[in-house]
Amino acid sequence: MSGARRARRWSVGTAVDQFFFVFAGVAAIWLAYLSFTETFTLGWWGIAAGIVFWVLLAYLVLPRLHRILTTIYVPDYFIGRARTSDGLLGDPINLAFMGDEAQLHAALRAAGWVQADPVNLGTSWRIVTSTLRRRSYDEAPVSPLFLFGRQQDFAYQQEVDASPEKRHHVRFWRCPEGWLLPGGRRVDWLAAGTFDTAVGLSLFTLQVTHRIDADTDIERDHIVATVRAGDPRVDVEVLRDFSTGYHSRNGGGDSIRTDGDLPIVDVRQVVA
């Protein structure tokens, strides 16, 4: 008797849960349909209303929702991934460096990398106009990603085909004093390098953003190769299988994959 009651309660609870799950999905589709059709009743004003709706959704509602959810379920410790300003898991941390800041800047400049401008209203507007006009912007800013509770200290990039749409870029974070990698290795800097392929909309927030190439290992190896070619005193050690190789998505919804190796680039012999 008691077993039958437990089975009955389970089946009723499952049915109720499935009902509300389906109801919520249908309601969301119906709301989207109404929002879409109502814009046509406003005439030309419907276009402006649609743009306002997208701006509010992409830059206010969805980011706030992600911040609430990621605070609950995204770990607040080092797992080999950066985080977006909304708390979503971002690009993989795929490089480490030894050396002080001046030596790191010298090594990157010798390798043909250009330091990215900080993000502000002026540089944001310039990258928009440069992209639309397809004009070169070597110092185009990169979006902020967070590690150790703060955004990158600086970033470098290499433009491709004189267009801000396609570029190699890498972000750098100085490691906290006394901080060690999992396994006990000390490094001075961690970095995340990816290759921008085009400008598009984020899958998770619908914001305008760069889309990246899924094979982040190619960009990682490109950064290492250029830095070594720029100065023969640069040494590289690779931590094999530092993390488990995986397929995932970054904060913009782009697919990423990596073999989990972590090159440690030593620039301490570079003359700043």
C-alpha atoms as a PDB file:
ATOM      1  CA  MET A   1       0.000   0.000   0.000  1.00  0.00           C
ATOM      2  CA  SER A   2       2.694   2.486   1.008  1.00  0.00           C
ATOM      3  CA  GLY A   3       4.733   1.574  -2.085  1.00  0.00           C
ATOM      4  CA  ALA A   4       1.710   2.201  -4.296  1.00  0.00           C
ATOM      5  CA  ARG A   5       1.192   5.585  -2.656  1.00  0.00           C
ATOM      6  CA  ARG A   6       4.807   6.561  -3.232  1.00  0.00           C
ATOM      7  CA  ALA A   7       4.533   5.533  -6.874  1.00  0.00           C
ATOM      8  CA  ARG A   8       1.330   7.522  -7.258  1.00  0.00           C
ATOM      9  CA  ARG A   9       2.793  10.649  -5.647  1.00  0.00           C
ATOM     10  CA  TRP A  10       5.835  10.371  -7.907  1.00  0.00           C
ATOM     11  CA  SER A  11       3.740  10.035 -11.060  1.00  0.00           C
ATOM     12  CA  VAL A  12       1.480  12.969 -10.141  1.00  0.00           C
ATOM     13  CA  GLY A  13       4.479  15.159  -9.282  1.00  0.00           C
ATOM     14  CA  THR A  14       6.161  14.248 -12.555  1.00  0.00           C
ATOM     15  CA  ALA A  15       3.009  15.061 -14.494  1.00  0.00           C
ATOM     16  CA  VAL A  16       2.656  18.442 -12.788  1.00  0.00           C
ATOM     17  CA  ASP A  17       6.324  19.223 -13.393  1.00  0.00           C
ATOM     18  CA  GLN A  18       6.062  18.296 -17.077  1.00  0.00           C
ATOM     19  CA  PHE A  19       2.886  20.357 -17.438  1.00  0.00           C
ATOM     20  CA  PHE A  20       4.495  23.523 -16.123  1.00  0.00           C
ATOM     21  CA  PHE A  21       7.631  22.861 -18.173  1.00  0.00           C
ATOM     22  CA  VAL A  22       5.579  22.629 -21.381  1.00  0.00           C
ATOM     23  CA  PHE A  23       3.343  25.521 -20.325  1.00  0.00           C
ATOM     24  CA  ALA A  24       6.358  27.770 -19.723  1.00  0.00           C
ATOM     25  CA  GLY A  25       7.797  26.878 -23.122  1.00  0.00           C
ATOM     26  CA  VAL A  26       4.519  27.540 -24.928  1.00  0.00           C
ATOM     27  CA  ALA A  27       4.022  30.785 -23.020  1.00  0.00           C
ATOM     28  CA  ALA A  28       7.505  31.970 -23.989  1.00  0.00           C
ATOM     29  CA  ILE A  29       6.866  31.155 -27.659  1.00  0.00           C
ATOM     30  CA  TRP A  30       3.497  32.912 -27.531  1.00  0.00           C
ATOM     31  CA  LEU A  31       5.063  36.002 -25.927  1.00  0.00           C
ATOM     32  CA  ALA A  32       7.731  36.101 -28.619  1.00  0.00           C
ATOM     33  CA  TYR A  33       5.044  35.769 -31.303  1.00  0.00           C
ATOM     34  CA  LEU A  34       2.980  38.606 -29.834  1.00  0.00           C
ATOM     35  CA  SER A  35       6.025  40.842 -29.495  1.00  0.00           C
ATOM     36  CA  PHE A  36       6.933  40.174 -33.107  1.00  0.00           C
ATOM     37  CA  THR A  37       3.451  40.707 -34.584  1.00  0.00           C
ATOM     38  CA  GLU A  38       2.623  43.765 -32.482  1.00  0.00           C
ATOM     39  CA  THR A  39       5.572  45.643 -33.940  1.00  0.00           C
ATOM     40  CA  PHE A  40       3.807  45.634 -37.326  1.00  0.00           C
ATOM     41  CA  THR A  41       0.735  47.371 -35.887  1.00  0.00           C
ATOM     42  CA  LEU A  42       2.930  50.334 -34.965  1.00  0.00           C
ATOM     43  CA  GLY A  43       3.940  51.005 -38.554  1.00  0.00           C
ATOM     44  CA  TRP A  44       7.426  52.438 -38.959  1.00  0.00           C
ATOM     45  CA  TRP A  45       7.538  53.012 -35.233  1.00  0.00           C
ATOM     46  CA  GLY A  46       7.542  49.238 -34.888  1.00  0.00           C
ATOM     47  CA  ILE A  47      11.117  49.140 -36.145  1.00  0.00           C
ATOM     48  CA  ALA A  48      12.228  51.565 -33.456  1.00  0.00           C
ATOM     49  CA  ALA A  49      10.224  49.640 -30.853  1.00  0.00           C
ATOM     50  CA  GLY A  50      11.883  46.401 -31.945  1.00  0.00           C
ATOM     51  CA  ILE A  51      15.332  47.932 -31.638  1.00  0.00           C
ATOM     52  CA  VAL A  52      14.546  49.264 -28.161  1.00  0.00           C
ATOM     53  CA  PHE A  53      13.203  45.857 -27.152  1.00  0.00           C
ATOM     54  CA  TRP A  54      16.411  44.163 -28.375  1.00  0.00           C
ATOM     55  CA  VAL A  55      18.652  46.674 -26.566  1.00  0.00           C
ATOM     56  CA  LEU A  56      16.778  46.204 -23.297  1.00  0.00           C
ATOM     57  CA  LEU A  57      16.798  42.424 -23.661  1.00  0.00           C
ATOM     58  CA  ALA A  58      20.440  42.067 -24.743  1.00  0.00           C
ATOM     59  CA  TYR A  59      22.086  44.672 -22.560  1.00  0.00           C
ATOM     60  CA  LEU A  60      19.877  44.792 -19.465  1.00  0.00           C
ATOM     61  CA  VAL A  61      17.564  41.821 -18.914  1.00  0.00           C
ATOM     62  CA  LEU A  62      19.676  38.847 -20.054  1.00  0.00           C
ATOM     63  CA  PRO A  63      22.955  40.067 -18.466  1.00  0.00           C
ATOM     64  CA  ARG A  64      21.220  40.580 -15.112  1.00  0.00           C
ATOM     65  CA  LEU A  65      19.622  37.155 -15.346  1.00  0.00           C
ATOM     66  CA  HIS A  66      22.971  35.541 -16.131  1.00  0.00           C
ATOM     67  CA  ARG A  67      24.627  37.316 -13.195  1.00  0.00           C
ATOM     68  CA  ILE A  68      22.036  35.902 -10.821  1.00  0.00           C
ATOM     69  CA  LEU A  69      22.262  32.350 -12.162  1.00  0.00           C
ATOM     70  CA  THR A  70      26.053  32.196 -12.534  1.00  0.00           C
ATOM     71  CA  THR A  71      26.524  33.460  -9.000  1.00  0.00           C
ATOM     72  CA  ILE A  72      24.717  30.307  -7.926  1.00  0.00           C
ATOM     73  CA  TYR A  73      26.223  27.609 -10.150  1.00  0.00           C
ATOM     74  CA  VAL A  74      29.574  28.808 -11.604  1.00  0.00           C
ATOM     75  CA  PRO A  75      32.547  28.027  -9.312  1.00  0.00           C
ATOM     76  CA  ASP A  76      34.431  31.052  -7.991  1.00  0.00           C
ATOM     77  CA  TYR A  77      37.867  29.415  -8.152  1.00  0.00           C
ATOM     78  CA  PHE A  78      40.374  28.674 -10.901  1.00  0.00           C
ATOM     79  CA  ILE A  79      39.105  26.024 -13.320  1.00  0.00           C
ATOM     80  CA  GLY A  80      41.130  27.022 -16.373  1.00  0.00           C
ATOM     81  CA  ARG A  81      38.469  29.363 -17.781  1.00  0.00           C
ATOM     82  CA  ALA A  82      37.995  33.120 -17.743  1.00  0.00           C
ATOM     83  CA  ARG A  83      34.567  34.585 -17.039  1.00  0.00           C
ATOM     84  CA  THR A  84      32.546  37.272 -18.800  1.00  0.00           C
ATOM     85  CA  SER A  85      31.255  40.359 -17.018  1.00  0.00           C
ATOM     86  CA  ASP A  86      27.910  38.512 -16.801  1.00  0.00           C
ATOM     87  CA  GLY A  87      29.546  35.589 -14.977  1.00  0.00           C
ATOM     88  CA  LEU A  88      29.416  33.146 -17.899  1.00  0.00           C
ATOM     89  CA  LEU A  89      32.397  30.874 -18.524  1.00  0.00           C
ATOM     90  CA  GLY A  90      34.520  32.532 -21.189  1.00  0.00           C
ATOM     91  CA  ASP A  91      37.649  31.597 -23.136  1.00  0.00           C
ATOM     92  CA  PRO A  92      40.028  28.868 -21.937  1.00  0.00           C
ATOM     93  CA  ILE A  93      43.194  29.870 -20.094  1.00  0.00           C
ATOM     94  CA  ASN A  94      45.668  28.303 -22.506  1.00  0.00           C
ATOM     95  CA  LEU A  95      48.990  30.074 -21.843  1.00  0.00           C
ATOM     96  CA  ALA A  96      51.252  30.937 -18.904  1.00  0.00           C
ATOM     97  CA  PHE A  97      54.238  33.295 -18.813  1.00  0.00           C
ATOM     98  CA  MET A  98      57.288  33.831 -16.629  1.00  0.00           C
ATOM     99  CA  GLY A  99      58.841  37.301 -16.452  1.00  0.00           C
ATOM    100  CA  ASP A 100      58.023  40.832 -15.373  1.00  0.00           C
ATOM    101  CA  GLU A 101      55.606  43.123 -17.194  1.00  0.00           C
ATOM    102  CA  ALA A 102      58.257  45.097 -19.068  1.00  0.00           C
ATOM    103  CA  GLN A 103      59.830  41.899 -20.429  1.00  0.00           C
ATOM    104  CA  LEU A 104      56.431  40.577 -21.469  1.00  0.00           C
ATOM    105  CA  HIS A 105      55.618  43.792 -23.359  1.00  0.00           C
ATOM    106  CA  ALA A 106      59.036  43.707 -25.050  1.00  0.00           C
ATOM    107  CA  ALA A 107      58.647  40.079 -26.136  1.00  0.00           C
ATOM    108  CA  LEU A 108      55.192  40.669 -27.598  1.00  0.00           C
ATOM    109  CA  ARG A 109      56.171  43.816 -29.487  1.00  0.00           C
ATOM    110  CA  ALA A 110      59.241  42.087 -30.912  1.00  0.00           C
ATOM    111  CA  ALA A 111      56.900  39.342 -32.125  1.00  0.00           C
ATOM    112  CA  GLY A 112      54.721  41.821 -34.028  1.00  0.00           C
ATOM    113  CA  TRP A 113      51.865  42.140 -31.546  1.00  0.00           C
ATOM    114  CA  VAL A 114      50.102  45.457 -30.872  1.00  0.00           C
ATOM    115  CA  GLN A 115      48.679  46.373 -27.476  1.00  0.00           C
ATOM    116  CA  ALA A 116      44.899  46.811 -27.556  1.00  0.00           C
ATOM    117  CA  ASP A 117      43.275  50.063 -26.499  1.00  0.00           C
ATOM    118  CA  PRO A 118      41.165  50.065 -23.326  1.00  0.00           C
ATOM    119  CA  VAL A 119      37.407  49.798 -23.767  1.00  0.00           C
ATOM    120  CA  ASN A 120      35.636  53.147 -23.523  1.00  0.00           C
ATOM    121  CA  LEU A 121      33.003  55.051 -25.447  1.00  0.00           C
ATOM    122  CA  GLY A 122      35.492  56.463 -27.953  1.00  0.00           C
ATOM    123  CA  THR A 123      37.279  53.199 -28.763  1.00  0.00           C
ATOM    124  CA  SER A 124      33.978  51.298 -28.879  1.00  0.00           C
ATOM    125  CA  TRP A 125      32.584  53.749 -31.415  1.00  0.00           C
ATOM    126  CA  ARG A 126      35.808  53.596 -33.422  1.00  0.00           C
ATOM    127  CA  ILE A 127      35.736  49.794 -33.685  1.00  0.00           C
ATOM    128  CA  VAL A 128      32.086  49.940 -34.840  1.00  0.00           C
ATOM    129  CA  THR A 129      32.849  52.482 -37.570  1.00  0.00           C
ATOM    130  CA  SER A 130      36.062  50.696 -38.574  1.00  0.00           C
ATOM    131  CA  THR A 131      34.191  47.413 -38.934  1.00  0.00           C
ATOM    132  CA  LEU A 132      31.383  48.975 -40.987  1.00  0.00           C
ATOM    133  CA  ARG A 133      33.846  50.821 -43.225  1.00  0.00           C
ATOM    134  CA  ARG A 134      36.249  47.865 -43.271  1.00  0.00           C
ATOM    135  CA  ARG A 135      39.140  50.071 -42.194  1.00  0.00           C
ATOM    136  CA  SER A 136      42.149  48.949 -40.208  1.00  0.00           C
ATOM    137  CA  TYR A 137      42.247  49.529 -36.447  1.00  0.00           C
ATOM    138  CA  ASP A 138      45.420  47.870 -35.153  1.00  0.00           C
ATOM    139  CA  GLU A 139      44.770  48.815 -31.520  1.00  0.00           C
ATOM    140  CA  ALA A 140      41.075  47.837 -31.456  1.00  0.00           C
ATOM    141  CA  PRO A 141      39.927  47.066 -27.904  1.00  0.00           C
ATOM    142  CA  VAL A 142      38.956  43.581 -26.756  1.00  0.00           C
ATOM    143  CA  SER A 143      36.022  42.883 -24.478  1.00  0.00           C
ATOM    144  CA  PRO A 144      36.788  42.398 -20.779  1.00  0.00           C
ATOM    145  CA  LEU A 145      37.119  38.896 -19.379  1.00  0.00           C
ATOM    146  CA  PHE A 146      37.666  38.179 -15.700  1.00  0.00           C
ATOM    147  CA  LEU A 147      40.101  35.994 -13.773  1.00  0.00           C
ATOM    148  CA  PHE A 148      41.066  36.223 -10.109  1.00  0.00           C
ATOM    149  CA  GLY A 149      38.013  38.471  -9.707  1.00  0.00           C
ATOM    150  CA  ARG A 150      39.297  41.193 -12.058  1.00  0.00           C
ATOM    151  CA  GLN A 151      39.435  41.895 -15.771  1.00  0.00           C
ATOM    152  CA  GLN A 152      42.584  41.412 -17.835  1.00  0.00           C
ATOM    153  CA  ASP A 153      45.544  43.670 -17.071  1.00  0.00           C
ATOM    154  CA  PHE A 154      46.097  44.248 -20.791  1.00  0.00           C
ATOM    155  CA  ALA A 155      45.643  42.574 -24.160  1.00  0.00           C
ATOM    156  CA  TYR A 156      47.559  42.275 -27.432  1.00  0.00           C
ATOM    157  CA  GLN A 157      46.391  41.546 -30.952  1.00  0.00           C
ATOM    158  CA  GLN A 158      47.352  41.102 -34.581  1.00  0.00           C
ATOM    159  CA  GLU A 159      44.937  42.258 -37.247  1.00  0.00           C
ATOM    160  CA  VAL A 160      44.246  40.045 -40.265  1.00  0.00           C
ATOM    161  CA  ASP A 161      43.515  41.476 -43.737  1.00  0.00           C
ATOM    162  CA  ALA A 162      43.468  45.021 -42.253  1.00  0.00           C
ATOM    163  CA  SER A 163      40.010  44.405 -40.788  1.00  0.00           C
ATOM    164  CA  PRO A 164      38.897  44.603 -37.133  1.00  0.00           C
ATOM    165  CA  GLU A 165      36.588  41.651 -37.788  1.00  0.00           C
ATOM    166  CA  LYS A 166      39.429  39.115 -37.979  1.00  0.00           C
ATOM    167  CA  ARG A 167      42.316  39.203 -35.537  1.00  0.00           C
ATOM    168  CA  HIS A 168      44.570  37.190 -33.292  1.00  0.00           C
ATOM    169  CA  HIS A 169      44.289  38.371 -29.722  1.00  0.00           C
ATOM    170  CA  VAL A 170      45.412  37.375 -26.245  1.00  0.00           C
ATOM    171  CA  ARG A 171      44.482  38.680 -22.778  1.00  0.00           C
ATOM    172  CA  PHE A 172      46.882  38.698 -19.796  1.00  0.00           C
ATOM    173  CA  TRP A 173      46.306  38.505 -16.041  1.00  0.00           C
ATOM    174  CA  ARG A 174      49.055  38.883 -13.443  1.00  0.00           C
ATOM    175  CA  CYS A 175      48.853  36.022 -10.942  1.00  0.00           C
ATOM    176  CA  PRO A 176      48.284  36.990  -7.296  1.00  0.00           C
ATOM    177  CA  GLU A 177      51.299  36.963  -5.004  1.00  0.00           C
ATOM    178  CA  GLY A 178      52.019  33.411  -3.845  1.00  0.00           C
ATOM    179  CA  TRP A 179      49.363  31.863  -6.119  1.00  0.00           C
ATOM    180  CA  LEU A 180      50.171  28.438  -7.609  1.00  0.00           C
ATOM    181  CA  LEU A 181      48.747  26.506 -10.526  1.00  0.00           C
ATOM    182  CA  PRO A 182      46.908  23.278  -9.700  1.00  0.00           C
ATOM    183  CA  GLY A 183      49.789  20.880  -9.111  1.00  0.00           C
ATOM    184  CA  GLY A 184      51.948  23.482  -7.375  1.00  0.00           C
ATOM    185  CA  ARG A 185      53.697  25.228 -10.301  1.00  0.00           C
ATOM    186  CA  ARG A 186      54.319  28.971  -9.937  1.00  0.00           C
ATOM    187  CA  VAL A 187      53.873  31.304 -12.920  1.00  0.00           C
ATOM    188  CA  ASP A 188      53.802  35.091 -13.178  1.00  0.00           C
ATOM    189  CA  TRP A 189      51.055  35.513 -15.778  1.00  0.00           C
ATOM    190  CA  LEU A 190      48.135  33.586 -17.223  1.00  0.00           C
ATOM    191  CA  ALA A 191      46.708  34.317 -20.651  1.00  0.00           C
ATOM    192  CA  ALA A 192      43.811  33.407 -22.925  1.00  0.00           C
ATOM    193  CA  GLY A 193      44.413  33.497 -26.664  1.00  0.00           C
ATOM    194  CA  THR A 194      41.704  33.101 -29.316  1.00  0.00           C
ATOM    195  CA  PHE A 195      41.178  34.058 -32.957  1.00  0.00           C
ATOM    196  CA  ASP A 196      38.273  36.320 -33.968  1.00  0.00           C
ATOM    197  CA  THR A 197      36.652  35.183 -37.197  1.00  0.00           C
ATOM    198  CA  ALA A 198      33.754  37.634 -37.616  1.00  0.00           C
ATOM    199  CA  VAL A 199      31.338  39.961 -35.848  1.00  0.00           C
ATOM    200  CA  GLY A 200      28.000  38.493 -34.815  1.00  0.00           C
ATOM    201  CA  LEU A 201      25.492  38.157 -31.988  1.00  0.00           C
ATOM    202  CA  SER A 202      26.137  36.313 -28.756  1.00  0.00           C
ATOM    203  CA  LEU A 203      24.127  33.115 -28.435  1.00  0.00           C
ATOM    204  CA  PHE A 204      23.523  33.723 -24.709  1.00  0.00           C
ATOM    205  CA  THR A 205      22.930  37.490 -24.499  1.00  0.00           C
ATOM    206  CA  LEU A 206      22.195  38.558 -28.113  1.00  0.00           C
ATOM    207  CA  GLN A 207      24.830  41.291 -27.751  1.00  0.00           C
ATOM    208  CA  VAL A 208      27.054  42.294 -30.664  1.00  0.00           C
ATOM    209  CA  THR A 209      30.379  40.515 -30.214  1.00  0.00           C
ATOM    210  CA  HIS A 210      33.237  38.837 -32.056  1.00  0.00           C
ATOM    211  CA  ARG A 211      32.870  35.167 -32.955  1.00  0.00           C
ATOM    212  CA  ILE A 212      35.955  33.026 -32.366  1.00  0.00           C
ATOM    213  CA  ASP A 213      37.488  30.032 -34.077  1.00  0.00           C
ATOM    214  CA  ALA A 214      36.617  26.826 -32.235  1.00  0.00           C
ATOM    215  CA  ASP A 215      40.124  25.336 -32.320  1.00  0.00           C
ATOM    216  CA  THR A 216      41.748  27.475 -29.627  1.00  0.00           C
ATOM    217  CA  ASP A 217      44.881  25.296 -29.683  1.00  0.00           C
ATOM    218  CA  ILE A 218      45.796  26.702 -33.111  1.00  0.00           C
ATOM    219  CA  GLU A 219      45.772  30.242 -31.714  1.00  0.00           C
ATOM    220  CA  ARG A 220      47.684  29.143 -28.611  1.00  0.00           C
ATOM    221  CA  ASP A 221      50.407  27.599 -30.760  1.00  0.00           C
ATOM    222  CA  HIS A 222      50.469  30.661 -33.040  1.00  0.00           C
ATOM    223  CA  ILE A 223      51.135  32.949 -30.071  1.00  0.00           C
ATOM    224  CA  VAL A 224      53.937  30.722 -28.809  1.00  0.00           C
ATOM    225  CA  ALA A 225      55.505  30.461 -32.274  1.00  0.00           C
ATOM    226  CA  THR A 226      55.495  34.219 -32.901  1.00  0.00           C
ATOM    227  CA  VAL A 227      56.966  35.054 -29.479  1.00  0.00           C
ATOM    228  CA  ARG A 228      59.744  32.496 -29.931  1.00  0.00           C
ATOM    229  CA  ALA A 229      60.471  33.793 -33.427  1.00  0.00           C
ATOM    230  CA  GLY A 230      60.598  37.372 -32.160  1.00  0.00           C
ATOM    231  CA  ASP A 231      63.382  36.679 -29.646  1.00  0.00           C
ATOM    232  CA  PRO A 232      65.591  33.549 -29.573  1.00  0.00           C
ATOM    233  CA  ARG A 233      66.076  33.948 -25.811  1.00  0.00           C
ATOM    234  CA  VAL A 234      62.457  32.967 -25.173  1.00  0.00           C
ATOM    235  CA  ASP A 235      62.119  29.465 -23.728  1.00  0.00           C
ATOM    236  CA  VAL A 236      58.968  27.323 -23.671  1.00  0.00           C
ATOM    237  CA  GLU A 237      57.952  24.384 -21.496  1.00  0.00           C
ATOM    238  CA  VAL A 238      54.672  22.582 -22.082  1.00  0.00           C
ATOM    239  CA  LEU A 239      52.619  21.072 -19.264  1.00  0.00           C
ATOM    240  CA  ARG A 240      51.002  18.143 -21.065  1.00  0.00           C
ATOM    241  CA  ASP A 241      47.401  17.361 -20.130  1.00  0.00           C
ATOM    242  CA  PHE A 242      47.302  20.264 -17.680  1.00  0.00           C
ATOM    243  CA  SER A 243      43.528  20.021 -17.972  1.00  0.00           C
ATOM    244  CA  THR A 244      41.342  17.380 -19.530  1.00  0.00           C
ATOM    245  CA  GLY A 245      40.779  18.021 -23.224  1.00  0.00           C
ATOM    246  CA  TYR A 246      37.232  19.173 -23.770  1.00  0.00           C
ATOM    247  CA  HIS A 247      34.611  20.623 -26.104  1.00  0.00           C
ATOM    248  CA  SER A 248      32.529  23.466 -24.711  1.00  0.00           C
ATOM    249  CA  ARG A 249      31.188  26.951 -25.453  1.00  0.00           C
ATOM    250  CA  ASN A 250      32.508  30.325 -24.383  1.00  0.00           C
ATOM    251  CA  GLY A 251      30.540  33.277 -23.017  1.00  0.00           C
ATOM    252  CA  GLY A 252      29.404  34.296 -26.487  1.00  0.00           C
ATOM    253  CA  GLY A 253      28.093  30.822 -27.265  1.00  0.00           C
ATOM    254  CA  ASP A 254      30.923  29.926 -29.668  1.00  0.00           C
ATOM    255  CA  SER A 255      32.176  26.354 -29.704  1.00  0.00           C
ATOM    256  CA  ILE A 256      35.655  25.851 -28.257  1.00  0.00           C
ATOM    257  CA  ARG A 257      37.869  22.800 -28.044  1.00  0.00           C
ATOM    258  CA  THR A 258      41.322  22.194 -26.617  1.00  0.00           C
ATOM    259  CA  ASP A 259      43.676  19.325 -25.881  1.00  0.00           C
ATOM    260  CA  GLY A 260      44.355  20.679 -22.370  1.00  0.00           C
ATOM    261  CA  ASP A 261      48.090  21.376 -22.774  1.00  0.00           C
ATOM    262  CA  LEU A 262      49.477  24.535 -21.133  1.00  0.00           C
ATOM    263  CA  PRO A 263      52.645  26.110 -22.605  1.00  0.00           C
ATOM    264  CA  ILE A 264      54.709  28.117 -20.097  1.00  0.00           C
ATOM    265  CA  VAL A 265      56.571  30.835 -21.999  1.00  0.00           C
ATOM    266  CA  ASP A 266      59.659  32.146 -20.219  1.00  0.00           C
ATOM    267  CA  VAL A 267      60.579  35.709 -21.234  1.00  0.00           C
ATOM    268  CA  ARG A 268      62.918  36.421 -18.286  1.00  0.00           C
ATOM    269  CA  GLN A 269      65.947  36.583 -20.611  1.00  0.00           C
ATOM    270  CA  VAL A 270      64.323  39.212 -22.840  1.00  0.00           C
ATOM    271  CA  VAL A 271      65.845  42.672 -22.507  1.00  0.00           C
ATOM    272  CA  ALA A 272      63.056  45.123 -21.695  1.00  0.00           C
END
